[in-house]
C-alpha atoms as a PDB file:
ATOM      1  CA  MET A   1     189.503 186.292 179.404  1.00  0.00           C
ATOM      2  CA  ASP A   2     190.707 189.078 177.126  1.00  0.00           C
ATOM      3  CA  GLU A   3     190.709 189.146 173.321  1.00  0.00           C
ATOM      4  CA  PHE A   4     194.390 188.142 173.038  1.00  0.00           C
ATOM      5  CA  GLN A   5     193.824 185.031 175.176  1.00  0.00           C
ATOM      6  CA  ARG A   6     190.676 184.133 173.208  1.00  0.00           C
ATOM      7  CA  SER A   7     192.468 184.472 169.887  1.00  0.00           C
ATOM      8  CA  TRP A   8     195.363 182.293 171.166  1.00  0.00           C
ATOM      9  CA  LEU A   9     192.896 179.610 172.219  1.00  0.00           C
ATOM     10  CA  LEU A  10     191.080 179.720 168.892  1.00  0.00           C
ATOM     11  CA  ALA A  11     194.414 179.454 167.076  1.00  0.00           C
ATOM     12  CA  GLN A  12     195.257 176.335 169.102  1.00  0.00           C
ATOM     13  CA  LEU A  13     191.821 174.695 169.012  1.00  0.00           C
ATOM     14  CA  GLY A  14     190.327 175.865 165.717  1.00  0.00           C
ATOM     15  CA  PRO A  15     187.944 178.694 164.822  1.00  0.00           C
ATOM     16  CA  ASP A  16     184.827 176.508 165.230  1.00  0.00           C
ATOM     17  CA  THR A  17     185.417 176.071 168.969  1.00  0.00           C
ATOM     18  CA  ASP A  18     182.597 177.462 171.119  1.00  0.00           C
ATOM     19  CA  SER A  19     183.783 180.729 172.706  1.00  0.00           C
ATOM     20  CA  ALA A  20     181.202 180.537 175.508  1.00  0.00           C
ATOM     21  CA  ASP A  21     182.525 177.093 176.461  1.00  0.00           C
ATOM     22  CA  LEU A  22     186.076 178.469 176.486  1.00  0.00           C
ATOM     23  CA  GLU A  23     184.959 181.333 178.762  1.00  0.00           C
ATOM     24  CA  ARG A  24     183.380 178.906 181.258  1.00  0.00           C
ATOM     25  CA  ARG A  25     186.486 176.719 181.298  1.00  0.00           C
ATOM     26  CA  PHE A  26     188.754 179.744 181.745  1.00  0.00           C
ATOM     27  CA  PHE A  27     186.637 180.966 184.669  1.00  0.00           C
ATOM     28  CA  ARG A  28     187.099 177.561 186.329  1.00  0.00           C
ATOM     29  CA  LEU A  29     190.760 176.880 185.414  1.00  0.00           C
ATOM     30  CA  ARG A  30     192.206 180.439 185.298  1.00  0.00           C
ATOM     31  CA  SER A  31     194.769 179.502 182.618  1.00  0.00           C
ATOM     32  CA  VAL A  32     194.439 179.510 178.824  1.00  0.00           C
ATOM     33  CA  ARG A  33     197.002 176.701 178.549  1.00  0.00           C
ATOM     34  CA  ALA A  34     194.929 174.577 180.966  1.00  0.00           C
ATOM     35  CA  VAL A  35     191.811 175.281 178.900  1.00  0.00           C
ATOM     36  CA  ALA A  36     193.545 174.234 175.683  1.00  0.00           C
ATOM     37  CA  LEU A  37     194.934 171.073 177.280  1.00  0.00           C
ATOM     38  CA  GLU A  38     191.528 170.168 178.721  1.00  0.00           C
ATOM     39  CA  VAL A  39     189.767 170.563 175.353  1.00  0.00           C
ATOM     40  CA  LEU A  40     192.469 168.581 173.535  1.00  0.00           C
ATOM     41  CA  GLY A  41     192.344 165.906 176.246  1.00  0.00           C
ATOM     42  CA  GLU A  42     188.584 165.577 175.753  1.00  0.00           C
ATOM     43  CA  ARG A  43     189.077 165.241 171.999  1.00  0.00           C
ATOM     44  CA  ARG A  44     191.686 162.539 172.622  1.00  0.00           C
ATOM     45  CA  ALA A  45     189.380 160.691 175.041  1.00  0.00           C
ATOM     46  CA  LYS A  46     186.551 160.860 172.509  1.00  0.00           C
ATOM     47  CA  LEU A  47     188.771 159.203 169.890  1.00  0.00           C
ATOM     48  CA  LEU A  48     189.867 156.524 172.353  1.00  0.00           C
ATOM     49  CA  ALA A  49     186.268 155.733 173.345  1.00  0.00           C
ATOM     50  CA  ASP A  50     185.526 154.376 169.863  1.00  0.00           C
ATOM     51  CA  PRO A  51     187.475 151.770 167.909  1.00  0.00           C
ATOM     52  CA  LEU A  52     190.449 153.348 166.138  1.00  0.00           C
ATOM     53  CA  LYS A  53     190.207 151.050 163.130  1.00  0.00           C
ATOM     54  CA  VAL A  54     187.073 149.658 161.484  1.00  0.00           C
ATOM     55  CA  THR A  55     187.093 147.472 158.400  1.00  0.00           C
ATOM     56  CA  VAL A  56     184.112 146.248 156.408  1.00  0.00           C
ATOM     57  CA  ASP A  57     185.559 143.742 153.923  1.00  0.00           C
ATOM     58  CA  GLY A  58     185.412 145.025 150.378  1.00  0.00           C
ATOM     59  CA  VAL A  59     183.490 148.151 151.349  1.00  0.00           C
ATOM     60  CA  VAL A  60     185.395 150.561 153.581  1.00  0.00           C
ATOM     61  CA  THR A  61     188.302 150.843 155.980  1.00  0.00           C
ATOM     62  CA  MET A  62     188.440 153.665 158.516  1.00  0.00           C
ATOM     63  CA  ASP A  63     191.635 154.216 160.481  1.00  0.00           C
ATOM     64  CA  LEU A  64     191.773 156.979 163.111  1.00  0.00           C
ATOM     65  CA  GLN A  65     195.186 156.121 164.573  1.00  0.00           C
ATOM     66  CA  GLU A  66     196.890 159.034 162.789  1.00  0.00           C
ATOM     67  CA  ASN A  67     194.238 161.413 164.134  1.00  0.00           C
ATOM     68  CA  LEU A  68     195.044 160.186 167.646  1.00  0.00           C
ATOM     69  CA  ARG A  69     198.780 160.641 167.081  1.00  0.00           C
ATOM     70  CA  GLY A  70     198.121 164.121 165.698  1.00  0.00           C
ATOM     71  CA  ILE A  71     196.141 165.164 168.768  1.00  0.00           C
ATOM     72  CA  GLU A  72     198.860 163.768 171.054  1.00  0.00           C
ATOM     73  CA  ARG A  73     201.502 165.769 169.150  1.00  0.00           C
ATOM     74  CA  HIS A  74     199.304 168.862 169.408  1.00  0.00           C
ATOM     75  CA  ILE A  75     198.946 168.377 173.178  1.00  0.00           C
ATOM     76  CA  GLU A  76     202.735 168.198 173.486  1.00  0.00           C
ATOM     77  CA  ALA A  77     203.118 171.336 171.341  1.00  0.00           C
ATOM     78  CA  VAL A  78     200.615 173.290 173.483  1.00  0.00           C
ATOM     79  CA  ARG A  79     202.610 172.333 176.578  1.00  0.00           C
ATOM     80  CA  GLN A  80     205.779 173.763 175.019  1.00  0.00           C
ATOM     81  CA  VAL A  81     204.577 176.833 173.089  1.00  0.00           C
ATOM     82  CA  PRO A  82     204.441 180.115 175.057  1.00  0.00           C
ATOM     83  CA  ALA A  83     200.931 180.930 176.259  1.00  0.00           C
ATOM     84  CA  PRO A  84     199.650 184.471 176.865  1.00  0.00           C
ATOM     85  CA  GLU A  85     200.043 184.153 180.653  1.00  0.00           C
ATOM     86  CA  ASP A  86     203.656 182.940 180.443  1.00  0.00           C
ATOM     87  CA  GLU A  87     206.357 185.422 181.374  1.00  0.00           C
ATOM     88  CA  ALA A  88     208.576 184.067 178.609  1.00  0.00           C
ATOM     89  CA  SER A  89     206.119 185.290 175.981  1.00  0.00           C
ATOM     90  CA  GLU A  90     206.849 188.886 176.999  1.00  0.00           C
ATOM     91  CA  THR A  91     210.631 188.740 176.630  1.00  0.00           C
ATOM     92  CA  LEU A  92     212.360 190.998 174.158  1.00  0.00           C
ATOM     93  CA  ALA A  93     215.034 189.776 171.771  1.00  0.00           C
ATOM     94  CA  VAL A  94     217.991 191.999 170.867  1.00  0.00           C
ATOM     95  CA  ALA A  95     219.949 191.609 167.657  1.00  0.00           C
ATOM     96  CA  ARG A  96     223.049 193.487 166.566  1.00  0.00           C
ATOM     97  CA  LEU A  97     222.967 194.871 163.039  1.00  0.00           C
ATOM     98  CA  VAL A  98     226.106 194.341 160.979  1.00  0.00           C
ATOM     99  CA  PRO A  99     226.668 196.232 157.711  1.00  0.00           C
ATOM    100  CA  THR A 100     226.960 194.060 154.620  1.00  0.00           C
ATOM    101  CA  ARG A 101     229.820 196.112 153.166  1.00  0.00           C
ATOM    102  CA  ARG A 102     232.678 197.517 155.208  1.00  0.00           C
ATOM    103  CA  TYR A 103     234.208 200.833 154.186  1.00  0.00           C
ATOM    104  CA  ARG A 104     237.828 201.862 154.682  1.00  0.00           C
END
């Protein structure tokens, strides 16, 4: 995994993500998008393993449903955003410049 791929992964997963773990996953999966989706899937599974809402009457209420929805939206975004290995990420856009004032 090169530095560009590592920085893309850290941008998707957060700067506190273990780089050595990302390297091992990349060696096994051979795709940075697959690594990101696997890590996000594990985070989603971890949330689903525990109750999403806990209430102790008069003391505290903890609701993790929005966190789950946020991770699911992030998984969908990672599937759609160009990854470093995608060919589409290397395309070049061309724009025509038009003067703001026309002279006669």
